C-alpha cells in the first residue's frame, strides 16, 4: 500500500470512529455510513489539507463516492 493511501485511510479511521477499521478501505462508500454528515465532510477536508499540505479542489471531493475517489482528488490537487 502506498504511503498516501495509508495516510488517507488513517484520517478516515480517526474521523469515523463508529466504523470498524477493517471496513475502512479504498472501496468504502463513506457517505453511506451513519456517522457521515456535512460537518464530517468539512472535517475530512480540513484533515486532508493539514495532513497532505495541499489545498484540495472541492468539486472532486464532493463528487467522491469512495475513499479511493478521494485519493484521486488529492492526487489531482
C-alpha atoms as a PDB file:
ATOM      1  CA  UNK A   1       0.000   0.000   0.000  1.00  0.00           C
ATOM      2  CA  UNK A   2       1.291   3.415  -0.906  1.00  0.00           C
ATOM      3  CA  UNK A   3       2.117   5.914   1.772  1.00  0.00           C
ATOM      4  CA  UNK A   4      -0.622   8.335   0.631  1.00  0.00           C
ATOM      5  CA  UNK A   5      -3.193   5.554   0.797  1.00  0.00           C
ATOM      6  CA  UNK A   6      -2.155   4.729   4.354  1.00  0.00           C
ATOM      7  CA  UNK A   7      -2.278   8.384   5.391  1.00  0.00           C
ATOM      8  CA  UNK A   8      -5.763   8.835   3.913  1.00  0.00           C
ATOM      9  CA  UNK A   9      -7.136   5.651   5.464  1.00  0.00           C
ATOM     10  CA  UNK A  10      -5.741   6.776   8.827  1.00  0.00           C
ATOM     11  CA  UNK A  11      -7.668  10.057   8.527  1.00  0.00           C
ATOM     12  CA  UNK A  12     -10.913   8.201   7.796  1.00  0.00           C
ATOM     13  CA  UNK A  13     -10.290   5.804  10.704  1.00  0.00           C
ATOM     14  CA  UNK A  14      -9.751   8.746  13.062  1.00  0.00           C
ATOM     15  CA  UNK A  15     -12.922  10.519  11.926  1.00  0.00           C
ATOM     16  CA  UNK A  16     -15.281   7.551  11.526  1.00  0.00           C
ATOM     17  CA  UNK A  17     -14.935   6.086  15.000  1.00  0.00           C
ATOM     18  CA  UNK A  18     -18.223   4.147  14.710  1.00  0.00           C
ATOM     19  CA  UNK A  19     -16.934   2.111  11.749  1.00  0.00           C
ATOM     20  CA  UNK A  20     -14.702  -0.937  12.191  1.00  0.00           C
ATOM     21  CA  UNK A  21     -11.170  -0.241  10.941  1.00  0.00           C
ATOM     22  CA  UNK A  22     -11.333  -3.338   8.739  1.00  0.00           C
ATOM     23  CA  UNK A  23     -14.347  -1.855   6.930  1.00  0.00           C
ATOM     24  CA  UNK A  24     -12.460   1.326   6.026  1.00  0.00           C
ATOM     25  CA  UNK A  25     -10.822   0.596   2.669  1.00  0.00           C
ATOM     26  CA  UNK A  26     -10.295   2.460  -0.598  1.00  0.00           C
ATOM     27  CA  UNK A  27     -13.508   0.831  -1.884  1.00  0.00           C
ATOM     28  CA  UNK A  28     -15.609   2.043   1.056  1.00  0.00           C
ATOM     29  CA  UNK A  29     -18.573   4.268   0.194  1.00  0.00           C
ATOM     30  CA  UNK A  30     -18.132   6.510   3.217  1.00  0.00           C
ATOM     31  CA  UNK A  31     -21.244   8.630   2.588  1.00  0.00           C
ATOM     32  CA  UNK A  32     -23.339   5.541   3.370  1.00  0.00           C
ATOM     33  CA  UNK A  33     -22.062   5.340   6.942  1.00  0.00           C
ATOM     34  CA  UNK A  34     -24.438   6.545   9.674  1.00  0.00           C
ATOM     35  CA  UNK A  35     -21.814   8.884  11.107  1.00  0.00           C
ATOM     36  CA  UNK A  36     -21.447  10.800   7.794  1.00  0.00           C
ATOM     37  CA  UNK A  37     -22.773  14.384   7.684  1.00  0.00           C
ATOM     38  CA  UNK A  38     -21.882  17.705   6.106  1.00  0.00           C
ATOM     39  CA  UNK A  39     -19.912  18.527   9.245  1.00  0.00           C
ATOM     40  CA  UNK A  40     -17.929  15.312   8.843  1.00  0.00           C
ATOM     41  CA  UNK A  41     -17.274  16.311   5.205  1.00  0.00           C
ATOM     42  CA  UNK A  42     -15.721  19.578   6.418  1.00  0.00           C
ATOM     43  CA  UNK A  43     -13.613  17.681   8.968  1.00  0.00           C
ATOM     44  CA  UNK A  44     -12.372  15.316   6.243  1.00  0.00           C
ATOM     45  CA  UNK A  45     -11.352  18.225   4.014  1.00  0.00           C
ATOM     46  CA  UNK A  46      -9.602  20.024   6.873  1.00  0.00           C
ATOM     47  CA  UNK A  47      -7.670  16.904   7.899  1.00  0.00           C
ATOM     48  CA  UNK A  48      -6.643  16.155   4.302  1.00  0.00           C
ATOM     49  CA  UNK A  49      -5.372  19.692   3.781  1.00  0.00           C
ATOM     50  CA  UNK A  50      -3.477  19.544   7.076  1.00  0.00           C
ATOM     51  CA  UNK A  51      -2.014  16.076   6.527  1.00  0.00           C
ATOM     52  CA  UNK A  52      -1.043  16.476   2.883  1.00  0.00           C
ATOM     53  CA  UNK A  53      -0.170  20.187   2.967  1.00  0.00           C
ATOM     54  CA  UNK A  54      -2.374  20.940  -0.023  1.00  0.00           C
ATOM     55  CA  UNK A  55      -5.430  22.971  -0.909  1.00  0.00           C
ATOM     56  CA  UNK A  56      -7.953  20.481  -2.248  1.00  0.00           C
ATOM     57  CA  UNK A  57     -10.349  21.146  -5.080  1.00  0.00           C
ATOM     58  CA  UNK A  58     -13.803  20.904  -3.537  1.00  0.00           C
ATOM     59  CA  UNK A  59     -15.833  19.671  -6.513  1.00  0.00           C
ATOM     60  CA  UNK A  60     -13.947  16.372  -6.956  1.00  0.00           C
ATOM     61  CA  UNK A  61     -14.185  15.759  -3.210  1.00  0.00           C
ATOM     62  CA  UNK A  62     -17.889  16.498  -3.112  1.00  0.00           C
ATOM     63  CA  UNK A  63     -18.445  14.103  -6.024  1.00  0.00           C
ATOM     64  CA  UNK A  64     -16.286  11.356  -4.478  1.00  0.00           C
ATOM     65  CA  UNK A  65     -18.223   8.197  -3.691  1.00  0.00           C
ATOM     66  CA  UNK A  66     -15.423   6.054  -2.284  1.00  0.00           C
ATOM     67  CA  UNK A  67     -12.274   6.718  -0.286  1.00  0.00           C
ATOM     68  CA  UNK A  68     -10.360   5.767  -3.438  1.00  0.00           C
ATOM     69  CA  UNK A  69     -12.128   8.622  -5.250  1.00  0.00           C
ATOM     70  CA  UNK A  70     -10.949  10.965  -2.501  1.00  0.00           C
ATOM     71  CA  UNK A  71      -7.395   9.718  -3.021  1.00  0.00           C
ATOM     72  CA  UNK A  72      -7.665  10.522  -6.740  1.00  0.00           C
ATOM     73  CA  UNK A  73      -8.909  14.035  -5.898  1.00  0.00           C
ATOM     74  CA  UNK A  74      -5.917  14.530  -3.589  1.00  0.00           C
ATOM     75  CA  UNK A  75      -3.503  13.405  -6.282  1.00  0.00           C
ATOM     76  CA  UNK A  76      -5.068  15.913  -8.707  1.00  0.00           C
ATOM     77  CA  UNK A  77      -4.710  18.801  -6.236  1.00  0.00           C
END
